[in-house]
Amino acid sequence: MKDVQLIIETYYESEEAIQQALSTPEGKEIARLLTSKNKGHLGVFLGKEYTFTAHRDLIE
């Protein structure tokens, strides 16, 4: 297959939740499949997510 792009985003509530998910047989198989491929990119971001909202009266 050429020119196929697959993007998977997964969000977890905590590092412990990630560890629990990856410790299952299914999680281990997914991790094995992702890390065994030589093509593509695999990235991980760990951190706190903040959301900022601009209020209309503050913009004007």
Protein backbone atom coordinates (compact mmCIF):
# COMPACT_ATOMS: atom_id res chain seq x y z
CA MET A 1 0.00 0.00 0.00
CA LYS A 2 1.32 3.39 -0.97
CA ASP A 3 0.46 6.80 0.40
CA VAL A 4 -1.53 5.49 3.37
CA GLN A 5 -1.36 7.42 6.61
CA LEU A 6 -2.75 6.15 9.87
CA ILE A 7 -2.89 8.45 12.88
CA ILE A 8 -3.91 7.06 16.24
CA GLU A 9 -4.33 9.33 19.25
CA THR A 10 -5.00 7.86 22.64
CA TYR A 11 -5.53 9.78 25.87
CA TYR A 12 -5.15 8.34 29.35
CA GLU A 13 -6.09 9.84 32.69
CA SER A 14 -2.77 8.95 34.33
CA GLU A 15 0.53 7.18 33.89
CA GLU A 16 -0.90 4.30 35.93
CA ALA A 17 -3.74 3.95 33.41
CA ILE A 18 -1.20 3.64 30.59
CA GLN A 19 0.73 0.99 32.49
CA GLN A 20 -2.47 -0.97 33.21
CA ALA A 21 -3.50 -0.87 29.55
CA LEU A 22 -0.08 -1.95 28.29
CA SER A 23 0.21 -4.76 30.83
CA THR A 24 -2.72 -6.66 29.33
CA PRO A 25 -2.05 -9.31 26.64
CA GLU A 26 -3.78 -7.08 24.08
CA GLY A 27 -1.75 -4.04 25.11
CA LYS A 28 1.49 -5.99 24.89
CA GLU A 29 0.59 -7.19 21.39
CA ILE A 30 -0.25 -3.65 20.24
CA ALA A 31 3.04 -2.33 21.67
CA ARG A 32 4.93 -5.15 19.96
CA LEU A 33 3.31 -4.41 16.60
CA LEU A 34 3.96 -0.67 16.87
CA THR A 35 7.60 -1.03 17.83
CA SER A 36 8.44 -3.84 15.39
CA LYS A 37 7.74 -1.81 12.24
CA ASN A 38 10.66 0.00 10.66
CA LYS A 39 8.53 2.45 8.70
CA GLY A 40 6.71 5.44 10.06
CA HIS A 41 6.98 7.48 13.22
CA LEU A 42 5.97 6.77 16.78
CA GLY A 43 5.74 9.65 19.21
CA VAL A 44 4.74 9.97 22.82
CA PHE A 45 3.80 13.05 24.81
CA LEU A 46 3.45 12.89 28.56
CA GLY A 47 2.41 15.99 30.42
CA LYS A 48 -0.43 18.07 31.71
CA GLU A 49 -2.89 19.49 29.25
CA TYR A 50 -4.21 22.98 29.80
CA THR A 51 -7.09 24.64 27.96
CA PHE A 52 -7.26 28.41 27.65
CA THR A 53 -10.36 30.28 26.57
CA ALA A 54 -10.36 33.86 25.37
CA HIS A 55 -13.48 35.74 26.40
CA ARG A 56 -14.88 38.13 23.84
CA ASP A 57 -14.89 41.12 26.22
CA LEU A 58 -11.16 40.61 26.90
CA ILE A 59 -10.28 40.53 23.19
CA GLU A 60 -11.94 43.83 22.22
